[in-house]
C-alpha atoms as a PDB file:
ATOM      1  CA  MET A   1       7.297  44.104 -13.607  1.00  0.00           C
ATOM      2  CA  LYS A   2       8.965  42.489 -10.840  1.00  0.00           C
ATOM      3  CA  ARG A   3       5.252  42.557  -8.793  1.00  0.00           C
ATOM      4  CA  LEU A   4       3.840  41.359 -12.036  1.00  0.00           C
ATOM      5  CA  LEU A   5       6.486  37.844 -12.030  1.00  0.00           C
ATOM      6  CA  ILE A   6       5.675  37.714  -8.340  1.00  0.00           C
ATOM      7  CA  ALA A   7       1.730  37.574  -8.852  1.00  0.00           C
ATOM      8  CA  VAL A   8       2.303  35.042 -11.261  1.00  0.00           C
ATOM      9  CA  LEU A   9       4.198  32.737  -9.588  1.00  0.00           C
ATOM     10  CA  ALA A  10       1.978  33.152  -6.983  1.00  0.00           C
ATOM     11  CA  ILE A  11      -0.766  31.825  -9.111  1.00  0.00           C
ATOM     12  CA  ALA A  12       0.997  29.158 -10.627  1.00  0.00           C
ATOM     13  CA  CYS A  13       2.024  27.674  -7.028  1.00  0.00           C
ATOM     14  CA  PHE A  14      -1.641  27.812  -5.888  1.00  0.00           C
ATOM     15  CA  VAL A  15      -3.112  26.132  -8.990  1.00  0.00           C
ATOM     16  CA  ALA A  16      -0.100  23.680  -8.384  1.00  0.00           C
ATOM     17  CA  GLY A  17      -1.562  23.089  -5.419  1.00  0.00           C
ATOM     18  CA  ALA A  18      -4.969  23.229  -5.644  1.00  0.00           C
ATOM     19  CA  GLU A  19      -4.540  20.264  -8.368  1.00  0.00           C
ATOM     20  CA  SER A  20      -2.010  18.120  -6.230  1.00  0.00           C
ATOM     21  CA  GLY A  21      -5.030  17.977  -3.366  1.00  0.00           C
ATOM     22  CA  LEU A  22      -7.869  17.513  -5.887  1.00  0.00           C
ATOM     23  CA  ALA A  23      -5.509  14.331  -6.997  1.00  0.00           C
ATOM     24  CA  GLN A  24      -5.402  12.783  -3.959  1.00  0.00           C
ATOM     25  CA  GLY A  25      -8.931  12.607  -2.220  1.00  0.00           C
ATOM     26  CA  ASN A  26      -8.132  10.460   0.633  1.00  0.00           C
ATOM     27  CA  PRO A  27      -5.667  11.063   3.566  1.00  0.00           C
ATOM     28  CA  ARG A  28      -2.404   8.862   3.532  1.00  0.00           C
ATOM     29  CA  ASP A  29      -0.301   7.447   5.870  1.00  0.00           C
ATOM     30  CA  THR A  30       3.155   5.914   6.168  1.00  0.00           C
ATOM     31  CA  ALA A  31       4.038   2.701   8.361  1.00  0.00           C
ATOM     32  CA  LYS A  32       7.607   2.374   9.123  1.00  0.00           C
ATOM     33  CA  ILE A  33      10.056  -0.060  11.077  1.00  0.00           C
ATOM     34  CA  SER A  34      13.636  -0.447  11.488  1.00  0.00           C
ATOM     35  CA  LEU A  35      15.097  -4.475  10.798  1.00  0.00           C
ATOM     36  CA  GLY A  36      19.001  -4.885  11.306  1.00  0.00           C
ATOM     37  CA  GLY A  37      19.596  -1.032  10.703  1.00  0.00           C
ATOM     38  CA  LYS A  38      17.658  -0.741   7.606  1.00  0.00           C
ATOM     39  CA  ALA A  39      14.762   1.118   7.333  1.00  0.00           C
ATOM     40  CA  ILE A  40      11.386  -0.231   5.820  1.00  0.00           C
ATOM     41  CA  SER A  41       8.334   1.487   4.907  1.00  0.00           C
ATOM     42  CA  VAL A  42       4.782   1.631   3.422  1.00  0.00           C
ATOM     43  CA  GLU A  43       2.932   4.809   2.505  1.00  0.00           C
ATOM     44  CA  TYR A  44      -0.455   4.431   1.199  1.00  0.00           C
ATOM     45  CA  GLY A  45      -3.534   5.976   0.575  1.00  0.00           C
ATOM     46  CA  ARG A  46      -6.611   5.177   3.357  1.00  0.00           C
ATOM     47  CA  PRO A  47      -9.937   4.969   1.878  1.00  0.00           C
ATOM     48  CA  SER A  48     -12.863   5.056   4.489  1.00  0.00           C
ATOM     49  CA  LEU A  49     -15.612   2.496   4.421  1.00  0.00           C
ATOM     50  CA  LYS A  50     -18.217   5.084   4.566  1.00  0.00           C
ATOM     51  CA  GLY A  51     -21.031   2.695   5.848  1.00  0.00           C
ATOM     52  CA  ARG A  52     -20.083  -0.473   3.197  1.00  0.00           C
ATOM     53  CA  SER A  53     -19.323  -3.935   4.303  1.00  0.00           C
ATOM     54  CA  VAL A  54     -15.654  -4.397   3.365  1.00  0.00           C
ATOM     55  CA  ALA A  55     -16.622  -7.885   2.519  1.00  0.00           C
ATOM     56  CA  ASP A  56     -19.654  -6.367   0.035  1.00  0.00           C
ATOM     57  CA  LEU A  57     -16.561  -4.264  -1.741  1.00  0.00           C
ATOM     58  CA  LEU A  58     -14.227  -7.734  -1.892  1.00  0.00           C
ATOM     59  CA  ASP A  59     -16.968  -9.937  -2.957  1.00  0.00           C
ATOM     60  CA  GLN A  60     -16.829  -7.565  -6.609  1.00  0.00           C
ATOM     61  CA  LEU A  61     -13.209  -8.945  -6.544  1.00  0.00           C
ATOM     62  CA  LYS A  62     -12.775 -11.602  -8.737  1.00  0.00           C
ATOM     63  CA  ALA A  63     -10.029 -14.667  -8.772  1.00  0.00           C
ATOM     64  CA  GLY A  64      -7.128 -13.061 -10.003  1.00  0.00           C
ATOM     65  CA  ASP A  65      -8.034  -9.618  -9.460  1.00  0.00           C
ATOM     66  CA  THR A  66      -5.285  -7.329  -7.608  1.00  0.00           C
ATOM     67  CA  TRP A  67      -6.442  -4.402  -5.127  1.00  0.00           C
ATOM     68  CA  ARG A  68      -4.502  -1.715  -4.738  1.00  0.00           C
ATOM     69  CA  LEU A  69      -3.853  -1.801  -1.385  1.00  0.00           C
ATOM     70  CA  GLY A  70      -4.908   1.792  -0.103  1.00  0.00           C
ATOM     71  CA  ALA A  71      -6.472   4.598  -2.236  1.00  0.00           C
ATOM     72  CA  ASP A  72      -5.506   7.609  -5.158  1.00  0.00           C
ATOM     73  CA  LYS A  73      -1.622   7.231  -5.809  1.00  0.00           C
ATOM     74  CA  SER A  74      -0.670   3.344  -5.192  1.00  0.00           C
ATOM     75  CA  THR A  75       1.261   2.003  -2.239  1.00  0.00           C
ATOM     76  CA  THR A  76       4.862   2.613  -1.818  1.00  0.00           C
ATOM     77  CA  PHE A  77       6.823  -0.418  -0.446  1.00  0.00           C
ATOM     78  CA  SER A  78      10.486   1.274   0.083  1.00  0.00           C
ATOM     79  CA  THR A  79      13.621  -1.327   1.460  1.00  0.00           C
ATOM     80  CA  ALA A  80      16.634  -0.493   2.163  1.00  0.00           C
ATOM     81  CA  ALA A  81      17.092  -4.274   2.430  1.00  0.00           C
ATOM     82  CA  ASP A  82      16.988  -7.774   0.973  1.00  0.00           C
ATOM     83  CA  LEU A  83      13.453  -9.205   2.442  1.00  0.00           C
ATOM     84  CA  GLN A  84      13.009 -12.732   2.483  1.00  0.00           C
ATOM     85  CA  PHE A  85       9.175 -13.853   2.550  1.00  0.00           C
ATOM     86  CA  GLY A  86       9.048 -17.323   3.305  1.00  0.00           C
ATOM     87  CA  ASP A  87      11.189 -18.581   0.820  1.00  0.00           C
ATOM     88  CA  VAL A  88      10.707 -15.381  -1.547  1.00  0.00           C
ATOM     89  CA  THR A  89      13.091 -12.627  -1.245  1.00  0.00           C
ATOM     90  CA  VAL A  90      12.322  -8.960  -2.024  1.00  0.00           C
ATOM     91  CA  PRO A  91      15.724  -6.612  -3.193  1.00  0.00           C
ATOM     92  CA  ASN A  92      15.952  -3.860  -1.543  1.00  0.00           C
ATOM     93  CA  GLY A  93      14.352  -1.091  -3.429  1.00  0.00           C
ATOM     94  CA  GLN A  94      10.967   0.383  -3.993  1.00  0.00           C
ATOM     95  CA  TYR A  95       7.542  -1.074  -5.234  1.00  0.00           C
ATOM     96  CA  SER A  96       4.327  -0.841  -5.736  1.00  0.00           C
ATOM     97  CA  LEU A  97       1.969  -3.039  -3.246  1.00  0.00           C
ATOM     98  CA  TRP A  98      -0.817  -4.928  -4.049  1.00  0.00           C
ATOM     99  CA  ALA A  99      -2.909  -7.628  -2.713  1.00  0.00           C
ATOM    100  CA  GLU A 100      -3.708 -10.450  -5.759  1.00  0.00           C
ATOM    101  CA  ARG A 101      -7.277 -12.577  -4.520  1.00  0.00           C
ATOM    102  CA  GLU A 102      -7.068 -16.400  -5.508  1.00  0.00           C
ATOM    103  CA  ALA A 103      -9.387 -19.109  -6.741  1.00  0.00           C
ATOM    104  CA  ASP A 104      -9.769 -20.440  -3.384  1.00  0.00           C
ATOM    105  CA  ASN A 105     -10.782 -16.390  -1.874  1.00  0.00           C
ATOM    106  CA  SER A 106      -7.443 -16.573  -0.369  1.00  0.00           C
ATOM    107  CA  TRP A 107      -4.675 -13.642  -0.708  1.00  0.00           C
ATOM    108  CA  LYS A 108      -1.095 -13.011  -2.122  1.00  0.00           C
ATOM    109  CA  LEU A 109       0.817  -9.834  -1.422  1.00  0.00           C
ATOM    110  CA  VAL A 110       2.019  -8.475  -5.046  1.00  0.00           C
ATOM    111  CA  PHE A 111       5.350  -6.587  -5.408  1.00  0.00           C
ATOM    112  CA  ASN A 112       5.244  -4.682  -8.358  1.00  0.00           C
ATOM    113  CA  LYS A 113       8.426  -2.985  -9.958  1.00  0.00           C
ATOM    114  CA  GLN A 114       6.680   0.041 -11.014  1.00  0.00           C
ATOM    115  CA  HIS A 115       5.172   2.333  -8.133  1.00  0.00           C
ATOM    116  CA  GLY A 116       4.063   6.021  -8.164  1.00  0.00           C
ATOM    117  CA  GLN A 117       1.306   5.186 -10.337  1.00  0.00           C
ATOM    118  CA  TRP A 118      -2.269   5.996 -10.180  1.00  0.00           C
ATOM    119  CA  GLY A 119      -3.311   2.831  -7.884  1.00  0.00           C
ATOM    120  CA  THR A 120      -5.868   1.135 -10.449  1.00  0.00           C
ATOM    121  CA  GLN A 121      -3.282   1.091 -13.404  1.00  0.00           C
ATOM    122  CA  HIS A 122      -1.514  -1.903 -12.340  1.00  0.00           C
ATOM    123  CA  ASP A 123       0.502  -4.113 -14.598  1.00  0.00           C
ATOM    124  CA  ALA A 124       0.953  -7.669 -13.909  1.00  0.00           C
ATOM    125  CA  SER A 125       4.253  -7.577 -16.239  1.00  0.00           C
ATOM    126  CA  GLN A 126       5.992  -5.742 -13.886  1.00  0.00           C
ATOM    127  CA  ASP A 127       5.193  -8.428 -10.871  1.00  0.00           C
ATOM    128  CA  LEU A 128       8.112  -8.859  -8.982  1.00  0.00           C
ATOM    129  CA  ALA A 129       7.053 -11.608  -6.197  1.00  0.00           C
ATOM    130  CA  SER A 130       4.001 -12.643  -4.655  1.00  0.00           C
ATOM    131  CA  VAL A 131       4.186 -14.085  -0.928  1.00  0.00           C
ATOM    132  CA  PRO A 132       1.075 -15.659   0.713  1.00  0.00           C
ATOM    133  CA  LEU A 133      -1.364 -13.671   2.961  1.00  0.00           C
ATOM    134  CA  GLU A 134      -3.158 -14.718   5.998  1.00  0.00           C
ATOM    135  CA  GLN A 135      -6.676 -13.716   6.387  1.00  0.00           C
ATOM    136  CA  THR A 136      -8.060 -13.494   9.598  1.00  0.00           C
ATOM    137  CA  LYS A 137     -11.214 -11.537  11.735  1.00  0.00           C
ATOM    138  CA  ALA A 138      -9.788  -8.455  13.167  1.00  0.00           C
ATOM    139  CA  ALA A 139     -10.426  -7.948  16.868  1.00  0.00           C
ATOM    140  CA  ASN A 140     -11.586  -4.168  16.325  1.00  0.00           C
ATOM    141  CA  SER A 141     -12.905  -3.226  13.120  1.00  0.00           C
ATOM    142  CA  ALA A 142     -11.275   0.089  11.258  1.00  0.00           C
ATOM    143  CA  GLU A 143     -13.013   2.421   9.149  1.00  0.00           C
ATOM    144  CA  MET A 144     -10.338   3.453   7.212  1.00  0.00           C
ATOM    145  CA  VAL A 145      -7.449   0.983   5.292  1.00  0.00           C
ATOM    146  CA  THR A 146      -4.213   0.863   8.207  1.00  0.00           C
ATOM    147  CA  ILE A 147      -1.451  -0.736   7.011  1.00  0.00           C
ATOM    148  CA  SER A 148       1.064  -1.600   9.820  1.00  0.00           C
ATOM    149  CA  LEU A 149       5.075  -2.597  10.251  1.00  0.00           C
ATOM    150  CA  ALA A 150       5.669  -4.328  13.534  1.00  0.00           C
ATOM    151  CA  LYS A 151       8.841  -7.028  14.842  1.00  0.00           C
ATOM    152  CA  GLY A 152       7.617 -10.297  15.028  1.00  0.00           C
ATOM    153  CA  GLY A 153       7.926 -13.869  14.670  1.00  0.00           C
ATOM    154  CA  GLY A 154      11.534 -13.341  14.503  1.00  0.00           C
ATOM    155  CA  GLY A 155      11.660 -10.609  12.207  1.00  0.00           C
ATOM    156  CA  ALA A 156       8.565  -8.279  11.323  1.00  0.00           C
ATOM    157  CA  VAL A 157       5.042  -8.916  10.273  1.00  0.00           C
ATOM    158  CA  ILE A 158       3.208  -6.220   7.467  1.00  0.00           C
ATOM    159  CA  ALA A 159      -0.449  -6.084   8.418  1.00  0.00           C
ATOM    160  CA  ILE A 160      -3.269  -4.816   6.244  1.00  0.00           C
ATOM    161  CA  GLN A 161      -6.922  -4.162   7.621  1.00  0.00           C
ATOM    162  CA  TRP A 162     -10.073  -2.997   6.758  1.00  0.00           C
ATOM    163  CA  GLY A 163     -13.497  -3.112   8.455  1.00  0.00           C
ATOM    164  CA  ASP A 164     -13.045  -6.501  10.038  1.00  0.00           C
ATOM    165  CA  MET A 165     -10.320  -8.083   7.804  1.00  0.00           C
ATOM    166  CA  LYS A 166      -7.115  -8.431   8.584  1.00  0.00           C
ATOM    167  CA  LEU A 167      -3.909  -9.669   6.042  1.00  0.00           C
ATOM    168  CA  THR A 168      -0.661 -10.573   7.680  1.00  0.00           C
ATOM    169  CA  ALA A 169       2.474 -11.671   6.361  1.00  0.00           C
ATOM    170  CA  ASN A 170       5.957 -12.019   8.083  1.00  0.00           C
ATOM    171  CA  PHE A 171       9.442 -11.456   6.905  1.00  0.00           C
ATOM    172  CA  LYS A 172      13.032 -10.893   7.874  1.00  0.00           C
ATOM    173  CA  ALA A 173      16.189  -8.884   6.787  1.00  0.00           C
ATOM    174  CA  LYS A 174      18.838 -10.673   5.070  1.00  0.00           C
END
């Protein structure tokens, strides 16, 4: 009986592991920084271009559409400090991150109170705040979505790069 129970548990663990592996088809990464002794991180999926053009992929987005900033499970932004993005305050906590395309083709970084959901399930009624993103052309092309957090601008910078597109926003701990 003990062997049967162990065999059943082993099979259940194998099936659970296989299902979670199938659910996350892209590699995941985490960007981390500390401001004023408080941890800030972004955990995200990393889709690849696979010979496609990021411009062609993103041109499919219309004004007001959101992009999930990664792949698979939503991108999770965690902060132990209240943060200031220009005149917008993002309280400490966890959020999903989205990029919203504006009518003039500019971008906004959207902080949504839900996190952990599948990355295509954006509920705009849960949006907490949005901040402008500056778009520039990256010096080098990134095959996979790359999100980084770095010190700079008297605080820190979040940078999102895919292909030669780079989106950035400065922030400070309050």
